[in-house]
N, C-alpha and C. Protein backbone atom coordinates (compact mmCIF):
# COMPACT_ATOMS: atom_id res chain seq x y z
N MET A 1 0.43 -1.39 0.02
CA MET A 1 -0.09 -0.04 -0.13
C MET A 1 1.11 1.39 -0.05
N ILE A 2 0.49 2.44 -0.91
CA ILE A 2 1.05 3.82 -0.93
C ILE A 2 0.27 4.42 0.16
N LYS A 3 0.94 5.71 -0.04
CA LYS A 3 0.49 6.75 0.93
C LYS A 3 0.80 8.49 0.59
N VAL A 4 0.18 9.27 -0.78
CA VAL A 4 0.36 10.25 -1.06
C VAL A 4 -0.08 10.99 -0.18
N SER A 5 0.90 11.76 0.22
CA SER A 5 0.85 13.45 0.96
C SER A 5 0.65 14.60 0.04
N VAL A 6 -0.10 15.30 0.80
CA VAL A 6 -0.38 16.55 0.03
C VAL A 6 -0.02 17.86 1.18
N MET A 7 0.50 18.69 1.46
CA MET A 7 1.07 18.82 2.82
C MET A 7 0.87 20.56 2.11
N TYR A 8 0.66 21.43 2.96
CA TYR A 8 0.21 22.94 2.62
C TYR A 8 1.41 23.56 4.09
N PRO A 9 2.55 24.25 3.49
CA PRO A 9 3.25 24.41 4.16
C PRO A 9 2.46 25.72 5.33
N ASN A 10 2.92 25.91 6.35
CA ASN A 10 2.30 27.45 7.27
C ASN A 10 2.88 28.23 6.73
N ILE A 11 2.65 28.49 5.82
CA ILE A 11 3.44 30.36 6.70
C ILE A 11 2.39 31.28 6.58
N PRO A 12 3.22 32.49 7.15
CA PRO A 12 1.99 33.57 7.70
C PRO A 12 1.77 34.03 6.55
N GLY A 13 -0.01 34.45 7.41
CA GLY A 13 -0.87 35.20 6.02
C GLY A 13 -1.42 34.36 5.08
N CYS A 14 -0.90 33.31 5.07
CA CYS A 14 -0.99 32.52 4.00
C CYS A 14 -2.83 32.31 4.15
N ARG A 15 -3.89 31.95 2.88
CA ARG A 15 -5.57 31.43 3.23
C ARG A 15 -5.36 29.76 3.38
N PHE A 16 -6.63 29.37 4.06
CA PHE A 16 -6.44 27.72 3.65
C PHE A 16 -8.39 27.68 4.70
N ASP A 17 -8.91 27.23 3.72
CA ASP A 17 -10.67 26.91 4.24
C ASP A 17 -10.28 25.05 5.01
N HIS A 18 -10.20 25.30 6.02
CA HIS A 18 -10.61 23.47 6.14
C HIS A 18 -11.37 22.96 6.04
N VAL A 19 -12.50 24.16 6.42
CA VAL A 19 -13.94 23.36 6.13
C VAL A 19 -14.28 22.78 4.87
N TYR A 20 -14.08 23.94 3.53
CA TYR A 20 -14.04 23.87 2.45
C TYR A 20 -12.92 22.55 1.68
N TYR A 21 -12.00 22.45 2.74
CA TYR A 21 -10.96 21.07 2.32
C TYR A 21 -11.55 19.73 2.81
N ALA A 22 -11.65 19.53 3.38
CA ALA A 22 -12.55 18.64 4.31
C ALA A 22 -13.88 17.75 3.95
N ASN A 23 -14.45 19.28 3.67
CA ASN A 23 -16.16 18.85 3.26
C ASN A 23 -16.49 18.78 1.86
N THR A 24 -15.33 19.04 0.75
CA THR A 24 -15.86 19.56 -0.20
C THR A 24 -14.74 18.97 -0.91
N HIS A 25 -13.33 19.85 -0.79
CA HIS A 25 -12.50 18.54 -2.09
C HIS A 25 -12.09 17.55 -1.54
N MET A 26 -11.60 17.40 -0.44
CA MET A 26 -11.21 15.64 -0.17
C MET A 26 -11.81 14.78 -0.80
N PRO A 27 -14.12 15.18 -0.75
CA PRO A 27 -14.82 14.53 -0.74
C PRO A 27 -14.91 14.25 -1.97
N MET A 28 -14.45 15.40 -3.19
CA MET A 28 -14.69 15.40 -4.44
C MET A 28 -13.40 14.51 -5.09
N VAL A 29 -12.71 14.19 -4.24
CA VAL A 29 -11.09 14.00 -5.16
C VAL A 29 -11.53 12.53 -4.55
N LYS A 30 -12.04 11.65 -3.85
CA LYS A 30 -12.19 10.72 -3.46
C LYS A 30 -13.67 9.78 -4.43
N HIS A 31 -14.02 10.65 -4.36
CA HIS A 31 -15.01 10.71 -6.06
C HIS A 31 -14.92 10.33 -7.09
N LYS A 32 -14.27 11.54 -7.84
CA LYS A 32 -13.17 11.08 -8.45
C LYS A 32 -12.21 9.74 -8.69
N MET A 33 -11.20 9.86 -8.19
CA MET A 33 -10.37 8.55 -7.76
C MET A 33 -11.57 6.87 -7.64
N GLY A 34 -12.57 7.20 -7.43
CA GLY A 34 -13.13 6.11 -7.05
C GLY A 34 -12.63 4.95 -6.74
N ASP A 35 -12.32 3.71 -6.48
CA ASP A 35 -12.04 2.66 -5.79
C ASP A 35 -10.54 2.36 -5.78
N ALA A 36 -9.95 3.38 -6.44
CA ALA A 36 -7.68 3.97 -6.43
C ALA A 36 -7.66 4.30 -5.43
N CYS A 37 -8.78 5.50 -4.30
CA CYS A 37 -8.49 5.46 -3.36
C CYS A 37 -9.40 4.96 -2.30
N ARG A 38 -8.12 4.31 -2.02
CA ARG A 38 -8.76 3.15 -0.75
C ARG A 38 -9.50 3.84 0.78
N SER A 39 -9.01 4.77 0.93
CA SER A 39 -9.32 5.93 2.19
C SER A 39 -8.24 7.25 2.27
N TYR A 40 -8.96 7.67 2.60
CA TYR A 40 -8.15 9.08 2.89
C TYR A 40 -8.06 9.52 4.43
N ALA A 41 -7.34 10.80 4.96
CA ALA A 41 -6.84 11.55 6.22
C ALA A 41 -6.99 12.77 5.89
N VAL A 42 -7.69 13.67 6.47
CA VAL A 42 -7.32 15.04 6.36
C VAL A 42 -6.98 15.53 7.43
N ASP A 43 -5.93 17.14 8.00
CA ASP A 43 -4.81 16.82 8.86
C ASP A 43 -5.50 18.68 8.97
N LYS A 44 -5.46 18.98 10.39
CA LYS A 44 -5.48 20.18 10.74
C LYS A 44 -4.23 20.64 11.42
N GLY A 45 -3.11 21.45 10.60
CA GLY A 45 -1.96 21.96 11.72
C GLY A 45 -2.51 22.65 12.65
N LEU A 46 -2.21 22.24 14.30
CA LEU A 46 -1.99 22.30 15.27
C LEU A 46 -0.94 23.34 15.73
N ALA A 47 0.66 22.48 15.74
CA ALA A 47 1.81 23.10 16.54
C ALA A 47 2.35 22.43 16.02
N GLY A 48 3.85 22.87 15.98
CA GLY A 48 5.17 22.16 16.03
C GLY A 48 5.87 21.25 17.11
N GLY A 49 7.02 20.71 16.62
CA GLY A 49 7.32 20.02 18.02
C GLY A 49 7.42 20.37 19.44
N ALA A 50 8.47 22.31 19.57
CA ALA A 50 9.01 22.26 20.61
C ALA A 50 7.07 24.12 21.23
N PRO A 51 7.35 23.41 22.63
CA PRO A 51 5.97 24.16 22.63
C PRO A 51 6.63 25.95 22.42
N GLY A 52 4.97 25.86 21.56
CA GLY A 52 4.68 27.53 21.21
C GLY A 52 5.40 27.85 19.63
N ALA A 53 5.72 26.32 19.51
CA ALA A 53 6.30 26.76 17.60
C ALA A 53 5.17 26.41 16.74
N PRO A 54 4.96 27.32 15.45
CA PRO A 54 3.65 26.79 14.51
C PRO A 54 4.16 25.46 14.12
N ALA A 55 2.49 24.56 13.28
CA ALA A 55 2.70 23.57 12.66
C ALA A 55 3.45 23.87 11.49
N ALA A 56 4.13 22.87 11.28
CA ALA A 56 4.98 23.12 9.62
C ALA A 56 4.14 23.02 8.63
N TYR A 57 2.89 22.30 8.93
CA TYR A 57 1.82 22.53 7.83
C TYR A 57 0.93 22.82 8.02
N VAL A 58 -0.20 23.96 7.51
CA VAL A 58 -1.32 24.02 7.78
C VAL A 58 -2.70 23.05 7.77
N GLY A 59 -2.68 22.78 6.96
CA GLY A 59 -3.51 20.92 6.32
C GLY A 59 -2.61 20.58 5.55
N MET A 60 -3.13 19.04 5.55
CA MET A 60 -2.39 17.99 4.61
C MET A 60 -3.78 17.13 4.52
N CYS A 61 -3.84 16.19 3.51
CA CYS A 61 -4.44 14.92 3.04
C CYS A 61 -3.60 13.51 2.81
N HIS A 62 -4.02 12.68 3.49
CA HIS A 62 -2.97 11.38 2.89
C HIS A 62 -4.28 11.13 2.19
N ILE A 63 -3.96 9.80 0.62
CA ILE A 63 -4.45 9.24 -0.03
C ILE A 63 -3.98 7.65 0.37
N PHE A 64 -4.74 6.53 0.89
CA PHE A 64 -4.22 5.55 1.02
C PHE A 64 -5.05 4.88 -0.90
N CYS A 65 -3.90 4.34 -1.63
CA CYS A 65 -4.03 3.30 -2.47
C CYS A 65 -3.17 2.41 -2.77
N ASP A 66 -3.51 1.10 -3.21
CA ASP A 66 -3.38 -0.02 -3.34
C ASP A 66 -1.86 0.40 -4.04
N SER A 67 -1.34 1.29 -4.41
CA SER A 67 0.18 0.65 -5.79
C SER A 67 0.35 2.33 -6.14
N VAL A 68 1.15 2.90 -6.77
CA VAL A 68 1.38 4.15 -7.01
C VAL A 68 0.47 4.09 -8.79
N GLU A 69 0.56 2.75 -9.25
CA GLU A 69 -0.01 2.27 -10.69
C GLU A 69 -2.12 3.19 -10.49
N ALA A 70 -1.81 2.41 -9.48
CA ALA A 70 -3.15 2.61 -8.87
C ALA A 70 -3.59 3.82 -8.44
N PHE A 71 -2.57 4.66 -7.77
CA PHE A 71 -3.00 6.41 -7.77
C PHE A 71 -3.35 7.09 -8.92
N GLN A 72 -1.84 6.78 -9.96
CA GLN A 72 -2.29 7.51 -11.04
C GLN A 72 -3.09 6.96 -12.13
N ALA A 73 -3.85 6.22 -12.01
CA ALA A 73 -4.68 5.68 -12.84
C ALA A 73 -5.94 6.33 -12.54
N GLY A 74 -5.93 7.15 -11.13
CA GLY A 74 -7.30 7.36 -10.50
C GLY A 74 -6.78 8.51 -10.55
N PHE A 75 -6.04 8.98 -10.25
CA PHE A 75 -5.55 10.74 -10.27
C PHE A 75 -5.61 11.42 -11.65
N GLY A 76 -5.27 10.29 -12.04
CA GLY A 76 -4.82 11.33 -13.45
C GLY A 76 -5.80 11.49 -14.74
N PRO A 77 -6.76 11.02 -14.66
CA PRO A 77 -7.91 11.75 -15.70
C PRO A 77 -8.28 12.75 -14.97
N HIS A 78 -7.95 12.59 -13.76
CA HIS A 78 -9.13 13.39 -12.81
C HIS A 78 -8.14 15.17 -12.21
N ALA A 79 -6.79 14.82 -13.01
CA ALA A 79 -5.86 15.98 -12.38
C ALA A 79 -6.31 17.88 -12.51
N GLU A 80 -6.52 17.10 -13.51
CA GLU A 80 -6.56 19.32 -14.24
C GLU A 80 -8.21 19.81 -13.37
N ALA A 81 -8.88 18.80 -13.33
CA ALA A 81 -10.10 19.13 -12.32
C ALA A 81 -10.07 19.67 -11.04
N ILE A 82 -9.21 18.35 -10.22
CA ILE A 82 -8.87 18.71 -8.69
C ILE A 82 -7.54 19.78 -8.23
N MET A 83 -6.65 20.55 -9.49
CA MET A 83 -5.68 20.92 -9.43
C MET A 83 -6.85 22.80 -9.28
N ALA A 84 -7.85 22.61 -10.54
CA ALA A 84 -8.43 23.40 -10.72
C ALA A 84 -9.06 23.97 -8.99
N ASP A 85 -9.43 22.85 -8.72
CA ASP A 85 -10.06 23.68 -7.23
C ASP A 85 -9.35 24.13 -6.18
N ILE A 86 -8.22 24.23 -6.13
CA ILE A 86 -7.31 24.70 -5.22
C ILE A 86 -7.06 26.02 -4.64
N PRO A 87 -7.76 26.67 -5.83
CA PRO A 87 -8.21 28.11 -5.17
C PRO A 87 -8.91 28.48 -5.21
N ASN A 88 -9.99 27.07 -4.41
CA ASN A 88 -11.35 27.65 -3.48
C ASN A 88 -10.82 27.29 -2.38
N TYR A 89 -9.81 27.19 -1.83
CA TYR A 89 -9.58 26.83 -0.50
C TYR A 89 -8.24 27.16 -0.13
N THR A 90 -7.49 27.42 -0.99
CA THR A 90 -6.53 28.11 -0.43
C THR A 90 -5.56 28.38 -1.54
N ASP A 91 -4.21 29.91 -1.05
CA ASP A 91 -3.57 30.67 -2.10
C ASP A 91 -2.45 29.78 -1.95
N LEU A 92 -1.67 29.01 -1.09
CA LEU A 92 -0.54 27.82 -0.97
C LEU A 92 -0.32 26.69 -2.60
N THR A 93 0.94 26.86 -2.35
CA THR A 93 1.24 24.98 -3.53
C THR A 93 1.36 24.18 -2.82
N PRO A 94 0.41 23.36 -2.64
CA PRO A 94 1.11 21.69 -1.87
C PRO A 94 3.04 21.36 -2.55
N VAL A 95 2.74 20.47 -1.07
CA VAL A 95 4.13 20.13 -1.21
C VAL A 95 3.93 18.61 -1.39
N ILE A 96 4.12 17.81 -2.49
CA ILE A 96 3.21 16.06 -2.43
C ILE A 96 4.71 15.12 -2.44
N GLN A 97 4.34 13.70 -2.08
CA GLN A 97 5.35 12.97 -1.53
C GLN A 97 4.39 11.51 -1.67
N ILE A 98 4.74 10.80 -2.24
CA ILE A 98 4.42 9.49 -1.99
C ILE A 98 5.35 8.71 -0.96
N SER A 99 4.32 8.01 -0.40
CA SER A 99 5.19 6.93 0.32
C SER A 99 5.06 5.30 0.25
N GLU A 100 5.60 4.35 0.84
CA GLU A 100 4.93 3.39 0.51
C GLU A 100 4.83 3.02 2.34
N VAL A 101 3.79 2.31 2.65
CA VAL A 101 3.47 2.23 3.85
C VAL A 101 4.00 1.08 4.70
N VAL A 102 4.92 1.48 5.58
CA VAL A 102 5.48 0.08 5.95
C VAL A 102 4.81 -0.59 7.46
N VAL A 103 4.07 0.18 8.30
CA VAL A 103 3.63 -0.13 9.37
C VAL A 103 2.29 0.48 9.20
N GLY A 104 0.98 -0.08 9.41
CA GLY A 104 -0.37 0.56 9.12
C GLY A 104 -1.36 0.37 9.86
């Protein structure tokens, strides 16, 4: 299994609509990807590791798929529509990482 993490850096003054992201954007991504997306999680950054430190990321999601190929097959045909929705919830550019889930 793989995990696609889409992370939005916590930049001072940034705009990020957590309600839209969790209730509209991510359900749309799941719907478009269909069975290629086994599940997903949405995170809201609260704090950094040190007391009083800000979170490194204001928000992020993790999309779980059987393989990189499954992710690409599910996401690829809808990439343009999914990416076009980003301005509806943020002015940030996401950082994306694909990882193998070793323990889950």
